[in-house]
Amino acid sequence: MKLLFYIIIFILISTSIVSDDKKTDEKNMFFNIRTTSDHHFRGYNYSMLADERNNSPYKSVNFAPAIQPFFIYSLPLKGLKTLFWGNFFANNLRDRDSDQRILQDSPGGSEKFSTVQSEFNTNGFSSSYYPGRDRRYKERNGLVRYDGIFFGLYYEWNTKVGQWSVGTWIWNNLNRYGKYSWQEYFIWYEPPFWKQANLKVQYFLNTSFDSGGSTPMQPGLTNGQNYLALETSHTFFPDSFIKVTPKLQGGYVQNNDNVSKRAGVSNIVGSLRFERSGVDLTLYALHRPEPLLYDTFDSNKSDGRLPDPGKQTVVDRFIADEITKGFRKEVANYINYQNTSEKFIKTVFIISIGYTIEF
């Protein structure tokens, strides 16, 4: 933390000496509102949560739409800006009983039906059964629990060696059960050369990582301890009826969560935007070249497979129990694992529509 502070101070002092005083007609306000077929952030696509909720297999093309407002306002102090970005899902909002267990003591709890039934048959009562508590529960899996907002403050300035931005932002999940929030400090840099390529380098330091800001669960994979992003884009036909902008982004994450602490390229995103009068249609191809960054939720965390949400029902558990009875433990475990898991899907396709206004 202190190291980052000293780096920022050094950049501010050194670059002010070589600052470029060219005046720009900067607009004070930027606003974008968009809807997307699948919210993605640093490699993780949140429609996976919808698949888990709905007991459906993971897919390359999904429909878990979200509304995403984005707002930047230039404060009276030149170069100082504040931003707001939100994500609000539009379907799969309510909780659902996805594990289909008959008797549980809490949402997501283990199945107690067989134990309770056996005790009743043997003793005429069950010491494991608590009326009023043990029943069927809906898991806390509605996507409304993953709605959230970013609030950030940063300082931006131009120098002869490029454009710099330093600041911080805070993510706050709006789930009233077990709020999930974290904070990052960042440095963004745009070099002065190859202007047509619009090169950008972004570095993020997550200061909440060691205090639970990154956890071995899906949302925890979206930040990591340190994150480095590279981006390039170019707009073709800027004066034509429709502007076309291809963009390529890549991200490297250090310590994907507090348990497995794996590092690697978390995402490569290619996009193609068609824009007219502030309205855009954008097509995305999200690629995750290193599945082990995401393989953290099952018994084998090094084979690039995840539990198949479509194979986690009561019928599948019955089949697994029968296989366990009919085969040796090692054989049964292998068959059940292969039957109830699937390979991590590396590439996902997303479509988004937005509107942007600046003034």
Protein backbone atom coordinates (compact mmCIF):
# COMPACT_ATOMS: atom_id res chain seq x y z
CA MET A 1 0.00 0.00 0.00
CA LYS A 2 2.78 2.44 0.95
CA LEU A 3 4.71 1.45 -2.17
CA LEU A 4 1.73 2.35 -4.38
CA PHE A 5 1.38 5.70 -2.57
CA TYR A 6 5.05 6.56 -3.18
CA ILE A 7 4.74 5.54 -6.84
CA ILE A 8 1.77 7.86 -7.32
CA ILE A 9 3.58 10.77 -5.62
CA PHE A 10 6.66 10.16 -7.79
CA ILE A 11 4.58 10.17 -10.98
CA LEU A 12 2.74 13.33 -9.97
CA ILE A 13 5.99 15.21 -9.20
CA SER A 14 8.06 13.95 -12.12
CA THR A 15 5.39 14.31 -14.80
CA SER A 16 4.35 17.77 -13.66
CA ILE A 17 7.81 18.91 -14.73
CA VAL A 18 7.14 17.74 -18.27
CA SER A 19 3.44 18.45 -18.35
CA ASP A 20 1.73 19.41 -21.57
CA ASP A 21 -0.34 22.57 -21.12
CA LYS A 22 -2.36 22.21 -24.29
CA LYS A 23 -5.98 23.11 -23.62
CA THR A 24 -8.64 20.66 -24.66
CA ASP A 25 -12.36 21.11 -25.12
CA GLU A 26 -13.13 18.50 -22.53
CA LYS A 27 -16.77 17.83 -21.82
CA ASN A 28 -17.86 17.73 -18.21
CA MET A 29 -20.23 14.83 -18.28
CA PHE A 30 -20.26 11.38 -19.88
CA PHE A 31 -23.27 9.08 -19.63
CA ASN A 32 -23.80 5.62 -21.08
CA ILE A 33 -26.68 3.24 -20.56
CA ARG A 34 -26.60 -0.22 -22.01
CA THR A 35 -28.17 -3.64 -21.86
CA THR A 36 -26.12 -6.78 -22.31
CA SER A 37 -27.06 -10.42 -22.83
CA ASP A 38 -24.48 -11.51 -20.25
CA HIS A 39 -22.54 -9.45 -17.71
CA HIS A 40 -18.83 -10.25 -17.85
CA PHE A 41 -16.00 -8.86 -15.75
CA ARG A 42 -12.33 -9.84 -15.94
CA GLY A 43 -13.11 -13.19 -17.51
CA TYR A 44 -16.07 -14.32 -15.46
CA ASN A 45 -19.47 -14.30 -17.16
CA TYR A 46 -22.29 -14.04 -14.67
CA SER A 47 -24.75 -16.12 -16.68
CA MET A 48 -22.94 -19.07 -15.09
CA LEU A 49 -24.81 -18.11 -11.91
CA ALA A 50 -28.09 -18.26 -13.82
CA ASP A 51 -27.20 -21.73 -15.13
CA GLU A 52 -26.48 -22.91 -11.59
CA ARG A 53 -29.78 -21.44 -10.40
CA ASN A 54 -31.76 -23.07 -13.23
CA ASN A 55 -30.02 -26.48 -13.23
CA SER A 56 -28.93 -26.02 -16.82
CA PRO A 57 -25.50 -26.80 -18.32
CA TYR A 58 -23.03 -24.00 -18.92
CA LYS A 59 -23.24 -22.62 -22.46
CA SER A 60 -21.25 -20.47 -24.87
CA VAL A 61 -24.29 -18.32 -25.72
CA ASN A 62 -26.44 -17.18 -22.83
CA PHE A 63 -29.30 -14.85 -21.99
CA ALA A 64 -29.00 -13.36 -18.51
CA PRO A 65 -29.64 -9.72 -19.45
CA ALA A 66 -28.51 -6.82 -17.32
CA ILE A 67 -28.90 -3.04 -17.37
CA GLN A 68 -25.63 -1.15 -16.89
CA PRO A 69 -25.55 2.62 -16.34
CA PHE A 70 -22.16 4.34 -16.52
CA PHE A 71 -21.57 7.95 -15.49
CA ILE A 72 -18.42 10.11 -15.37
CA TYR A 73 -18.46 13.67 -14.09
CA SER A 74 -15.56 16.14 -14.22
CA LEU A 75 -15.28 17.96 -10.90
CA PRO A 76 -14.40 21.69 -10.66
CA LEU A 77 -10.76 20.84 -9.97
CA LYS A 78 -9.31 20.25 -13.43
CA GLY A 79 -8.47 16.60 -14.02
CA LEU A 80 -10.40 15.29 -11.01
CA LYS A 81 -13.27 13.00 -11.96
CA THR A 82 -15.83 10.80 -10.29
CA LEU A 83 -17.45 7.75 -11.81
CA PHE A 84 -20.43 5.54 -11.17
CA TRP A 85 -21.06 2.18 -12.82
CA GLY A 86 -23.83 -0.23 -11.96
CA ASN A 87 -25.04 -3.68 -12.95
CA PHE A 88 -28.67 -4.69 -12.46
CA PHE A 89 -29.92 -8.03 -13.75
CA ALA A 90 -33.27 -8.20 -15.54
CA ASN A 91 -34.28 -11.86 -15.13
CA ASN A 92 -33.59 -14.89 -12.90
CA LEU A 93 -34.04 -12.49 -9.99
CA ARG A 94 -35.84 -14.65 -7.44
CA ASP A 95 -34.32 -17.41 -5.35
CA ARG A 96 -34.94 -20.97 -6.53
CA ASP A 97 -34.74 -24.42 -4.95
CA SER A 98 -31.98 -25.70 -7.21
CA ASP A 99 -30.63 -28.59 -5.12
CA GLN A 100 -34.16 -30.07 -4.69
CA ARG A 101 -33.40 -31.53 -1.28
CA ILE A 102 -36.42 -32.53 0.84
CA LEU A 103 -35.10 -31.81 4.33
CA GLN A 104 -32.46 -29.18 5.05
CA ASP A 105 -31.62 -27.06 8.05
CA SER A 106 -30.67 -24.04 5.90
CA PRO A 107 -30.44 -22.92 2.25
CA GLY A 108 -27.84 -25.09 0.53
CA GLY A 109 -27.70 -27.47 3.47
CA SER A 110 -27.12 -31.20 3.12
CA GLU A 111 -29.97 -33.69 2.67
CA LYS A 112 -31.31 -35.03 5.99
CA PHE A 113 -34.27 -37.03 4.69
CA SER A 114 -32.60 -40.46 4.70
CA THR A 115 -31.17 -39.97 8.19
CA VAL A 116 -34.47 -38.76 9.63
CA GLN A 117 -36.43 -41.56 7.93
CA SER A 118 -34.03 -44.21 9.22
CA GLU A 119 -34.28 -42.87 12.79
CA PHE A 120 -38.09 -42.85 12.65
CA ASN A 121 -38.18 -46.42 11.33
CA THR A 122 -35.78 -47.62 14.04
CA ASN A 123 -36.78 -45.59 17.09
CA GLY A 124 -40.17 -44.15 16.30
CA PHE A 125 -38.68 -40.65 16.53
CA SER A 126 -35.74 -38.70 15.16
CA SER A 127 -33.27 -36.72 17.20
CA SER A 128 -31.96 -35.17 13.99
CA TYR A 129 -35.28 -33.62 12.99
CA TYR A 130 -36.19 -30.12 14.20
CA PRO A 131 -39.77 -29.08 13.30
CA GLY A 132 -39.98 -25.58 11.92
CA ARG A 133 -36.35 -25.57 10.88
CA ASP A 134 -35.88 -28.70 8.78
CA ARG A 135 -37.72 -28.34 5.50
CA ARG A 136 -37.13 -27.52 1.84
CA TYR A 137 -35.30 -24.25 1.26
CA LYS A 138 -34.74 -22.06 -1.73
CA GLU A 139 -31.06 -21.36 -2.24
CA ARG A 140 -29.98 -17.75 -2.17
CA ASN A 141 -29.25 -17.76 -5.88
CA GLY A 142 -31.45 -15.06 -7.39
CA LEU A 143 -29.35 -12.82 -9.61
CA VAL A 144 -30.69 -9.76 -7.84
CA ARG A 145 -28.23 -10.71 -5.09
CA TYR A 146 -25.38 -9.94 -7.49
CA ASP A 147 -26.54 -6.46 -8.43
CA GLY A 148 -24.00 -3.88 -7.44
CA ILE A 149 -22.36 -0.53 -8.06
CA PHE A 150 -18.89 0.88 -8.55
CA PHE A 151 -18.09 4.31 -7.17
CA GLY A 152 -14.72 5.79 -8.06
CA LEU A 153 -12.64 8.93 -7.80
CA TYR A 154 -9.57 9.53 -9.94
CA TYR A 155 -7.23 12.23 -11.21
CA GLU A 156 -6.35 12.44 -14.89
CA TRP A 157 -3.65 14.54 -16.53
CA ASN A 158 -1.66 14.78 -19.75
CA THR A 159 2.13 14.86 -20.02
CA LYS A 160 4.66 14.71 -22.81
CA VAL A 161 5.13 11.02 -22.06
CA GLY A 162 1.45 10.16 -22.20
CA GLN A 163 -1.83 10.43 -20.34
CA TRP A 164 -2.09 9.20 -16.75
CA SER A 165 -4.93 8.44 -14.37
CA VAL A 166 -4.63 7.43 -10.72
CA GLY A 167 -7.46 6.78 -8.33
CA THR A 168 -9.55 4.30 -6.42
CA TRP A 169 -12.94 2.67 -6.69
CA ILE A 170 -15.15 0.62 -4.43
CA TRP A 171 -17.48 -2.18 -5.47
CA ASN A 172 -20.52 -2.70 -3.30
CA ASN A 173 -22.76 -5.69 -3.81
CA LEU A 174 -26.38 -4.91 -2.91
CA ASN A 175 -27.16 -8.35 -1.47
CA ARG A 176 -28.52 -7.91 2.05
CA TYR A 177 -27.35 -11.45 2.94
CA GLY A 178 -23.57 -11.41 3.26
CA LYS A 179 -22.65 -8.22 1.45
CA TYR A 180 -19.70 -8.56 -0.88
CA SER A 181 -17.58 -5.43 -1.31
CA TRP A 182 -14.00 -4.59 -2.10
CA GLN A 183 -11.73 -1.68 -2.95
CA GLU A 184 -8.99 -1.18 -5.50
CA TYR A 185 -6.40 1.46 -6.31
CA PHE A 186 -5.45 1.84 -9.95
CA ILE A 187 -3.03 3.46 -12.38
CA TRP A 188 -4.01 3.89 -16.03
CA TYR A 189 -1.61 4.96 -18.76
CA GLU A 190 -2.03 5.86 -22.44
CA PRO A 191 1.29 6.26 -24.31
CA PRO A 192 1.78 9.18 -26.73
CA PHE A 193 2.81 6.98 -29.66
CA TRP A 194 0.69 4.89 -32.04
CA LYS A 195 -2.28 7.15 -31.40
CA GLN A 196 -4.42 5.35 -33.94
CA ALA A 197 -4.09 2.14 -31.95
CA ASN A 198 -5.43 3.77 -28.74
CA LEU A 199 -3.13 1.76 -26.51
CA LYS A 200 -4.03 1.59 -22.82
CA VAL A 201 -2.30 -0.06 -19.88
CA GLN A 202 -4.22 -0.46 -16.62
CA TYR A 203 -3.00 -1.81 -13.29
CA PHE A 204 -5.28 -2.54 -10.32
CA LEU A 205 -4.25 -3.32 -6.74
CA ASN A 206 -6.97 -4.89 -4.60
CA THR A 207 -6.46 -3.75 -1.02
CA SER A 208 -9.37 -5.91 0.25
CA PHE A 209 -7.87 -9.16 -0.98
CA ASP A 210 -6.48 -10.42 2.33
CA SER A 211 -9.57 -9.43 4.31
CA GLY A 212 -12.10 -11.34 2.24
CA GLY A 213 -12.26 -9.11 -0.81
CA SER A 214 -11.44 -12.14 -2.92
CA THR A 215 -12.99 -15.46 -2.02
CA PRO A 216 -13.05 -18.98 -3.52
CA MET A 217 -16.45 -18.38 -5.11
CA GLN A 218 -17.52 -17.06 -8.49
CA PRO A 219 -17.71 -13.35 -7.66
CA GLY A 220 -14.35 -13.58 -5.94
CA LEU A 221 -12.75 -14.61 -9.21
CA THR A 222 -13.59 -11.28 -10.78
CA ASN A 223 -10.93 -9.25 -9.07
CA GLY A 224 -7.89 -11.06 -7.69
CA GLN A 225 -5.08 -9.47 -5.73
CA ASN A 226 -3.42 -7.68 -8.65
CA TYR A 227 -4.83 -7.26 -12.15
CA LEU A 228 -3.04 -5.98 -15.26
CA ALA A 229 -5.01 -5.10 -18.40
CA LEU A 230 -3.87 -4.18 -21.90
CA GLU A 231 -6.18 -2.70 -24.52
CA THR A 232 -6.04 -1.50 -28.10
CA SER A 233 -8.77 -0.21 -30.43
CA HIS A 234 -9.28 1.81 -33.60
CA THR A 235 -12.34 3.49 -35.11
CA PHE A 236 -12.87 3.06 -38.83
CA PHE A 237 -15.07 5.37 -40.93
CA PRO A 238 -15.38 8.02 -38.18
CA ASP A 239 -17.21 10.40 -40.52
CA SER A 240 -19.45 7.79 -42.15
CA PHE A 241 -23.04 6.84 -41.47
CA ILE A 242 -21.88 4.06 -39.13
CA LYS A 243 -18.61 4.05 -37.21
CA VAL A 244 -16.95 0.67 -36.73
CA THR A 245 -14.58 0.06 -33.80
CA PRO A 246 -12.79 -3.24 -33.24
CA LYS A 247 -11.17 -3.62 -29.83
CA LEU A 248 -8.89 -6.19 -28.25
CA GLN A 249 -8.43 -6.48 -24.47
CA GLY A 250 -6.40 -8.85 -22.35
CA GLY A 251 -6.08 -9.31 -18.61
CA TYR A 252 -3.63 -11.03 -16.27
CA VAL A 253 -4.66 -11.83 -12.70
CA GLN A 254 -2.33 -12.53 -9.78
CA ASN A 255 -3.87 -14.69 -7.03
CA ASN A 256 -7.34 -15.50 -8.34
CA ASP A 257 -8.67 -16.08 -4.81
CA ASN A 258 -7.54 -16.44 -1.22
CA VAL A 259 -7.32 -20.24 -1.34
CA SER A 260 -5.93 -21.48 -4.65
CA LYS A 261 -3.94 -18.28 -5.38
CA ARG A 262 -3.35 -19.05 -9.03
CA ALA A 263 -2.05 -16.56 -11.58
CA GLY A 264 -2.47 -16.34 -15.32
CA VAL A 265 -4.24 -14.74 -18.28
CA SER A 266 -7.83 -14.55 -17.09
CA ASN A 267 -9.44 -13.16 -20.22
CA ILE A 268 -8.93 -12.10 -23.82
CA VAL A 269 -11.87 -10.13 -25.18
CA GLY A 270 -12.37 -9.22 -28.81
CA SER A 271 -15.23 -6.87 -29.60
CA LEU A 272 -16.72 -5.16 -32.64
CA ARG A 273 -18.82 -2.02 -32.15
CA PHE A 274 -21.15 -0.42 -34.70
CA GLU A 275 -22.17 3.10 -33.72
CA ARG A 276 -24.48 5.78 -35.08
CA SER A 277 -25.46 9.02 -33.30
CA GLY A 278 -24.54 7.69 -29.88
CA VAL A 279 -26.34 4.34 -30.30
CA ASP A 280 -24.14 1.28 -30.56
CA LEU A 281 -24.41 -2.44 -31.13
CA THR A 282 -21.41 -4.34 -29.78
CA LEU A 283 -20.51 -8.00 -30.29
CA TYR A 284 -18.10 -9.68 -27.86
CA ALA A 285 -16.08 -12.88 -27.90
CA LEU A 286 -14.79 -13.62 -24.39
CA HIS A 287 -12.00 -16.19 -24.23
CA ARG A 288 -10.49 -17.69 -21.05
CA PRO A 289 -7.24 -19.46 -22.07
CA GLU A 290 -6.43 -20.78 -18.58
CA PRO A 291 -9.33 -22.80 -17.13
CA LEU A 292 -7.44 -23.58 -13.92
CA LEU A 293 -8.09 -20.02 -12.77
CA TYR A 294 -11.77 -20.95 -12.59
CA ASP A 295 -11.50 -24.63 -11.60
CA THR A 296 -11.82 -24.10 -7.84
CA PHE A 297 -15.22 -25.58 -6.92
CA ASP A 298 -14.97 -29.37 -7.10
CA SER A 299 -12.93 -32.31 -5.82
CA ASN A 300 -10.41 -32.12 -8.66
CA LYS A 301 -9.15 -28.55 -9.03
CA SER A 302 -6.58 -29.25 -11.72
CA ASP A 303 -8.46 -30.86 -14.61
CA GLY A 304 -10.33 -27.87 -16.05
CA ARG A 305 -13.76 -29.34 -15.25
CA LEU A 306 -16.59 -27.85 -13.21
CA PRO A 307 -19.73 -29.39 -11.68
CA ASP A 308 -22.41 -29.49 -14.37
CA PRO A 309 -25.40 -27.49 -13.02
CA GLY A 310 -27.68 -29.65 -15.16
CA LYS A 311 -26.55 -32.78 -13.28
CA GLN A 312 -27.15 -31.64 -9.69
CA THR A 313 -30.81 -32.65 -9.32
CA VAL A 314 -32.43 -35.26 -7.07
CA VAL A 315 -32.56 -37.70 -10.02
CA ASP A 316 -28.83 -37.34 -10.60
CA ARG A 317 -28.11 -37.91 -6.91
CA PHE A 318 -30.24 -41.07 -7.02
CA ILE A 319 -28.27 -42.34 -10.04
CA ALA A 320 -25.00 -41.52 -8.27
CA ASP A 321 -26.13 -43.45 -5.17
CA GLU A 322 -26.98 -46.50 -7.27
CA ILE A 323 -23.59 -46.37 -9.00
CA THR A 324 -21.90 -46.13 -5.61
CA LYS A 325 -23.73 -49.28 -4.46
CA GLY A 326 -22.78 -51.24 -7.57
CA PHE A 327 -19.08 -50.43 -7.99
CA ARG A 328 -15.91 -50.14 -6.00
CA LYS A 329 -15.43 -46.75 -4.37
CA GLU A 330 -12.67 -45.59 -6.74
CA VAL A 331 -14.59 -46.69 -9.84
CA ALA A 332 -17.88 -45.23 -8.59
CA ASN A 333 -16.24 -41.91 -7.75
CA TYR A 334 -14.70 -41.70 -11.21
CA ILE A 335 -17.97 -42.52 -12.98
CA ASN A 336 -19.98 -40.08 -10.89
CA TYR A 337 -17.43 -37.32 -11.32
CA GLN A 338 -17.36 -37.69 -15.10
CA ASN A 339 -21.14 -37.93 -15.24
CA THR A 340 -21.82 -34.83 -13.12
CA SER A 341 -19.11 -32.48 -14.41
CA GLU A 342 -18.32 -30.75 -17.67
CA LYS A 343 -15.32 -29.10 -19.26
CA PHE A 344 -14.94 -25.42 -18.53
CA ILE A 345 -16.24 -23.43 -21.50
CA LYS A 346 -13.37 -21.25 -22.64
CA THR A 347 -15.20 -19.01 -25.12
CA VAL A 348 -18.44 -17.12 -24.57
CA PHE A 349 -20.30 -14.85 -27.01
CA ILE A 350 -22.13 -11.74 -25.85
CA ILE A 351 -24.20 -9.00 -27.48
CA SER A 352 -24.77 -5.53 -26.05
CA ILE A 353 -26.74 -2.42 -27.04
CA GLY A 354 -25.98 1.01 -25.60
CA TYR A 355 -26.52 4.73 -25.85
CA THR A 356 -23.90 7.37 -25.03
CA ILE A 357 -24.19 11.12 -24.56
CA GLU A 358 -21.54 13.67 -23.57
CA PHE A 359 -22.08 17.30 -22.62
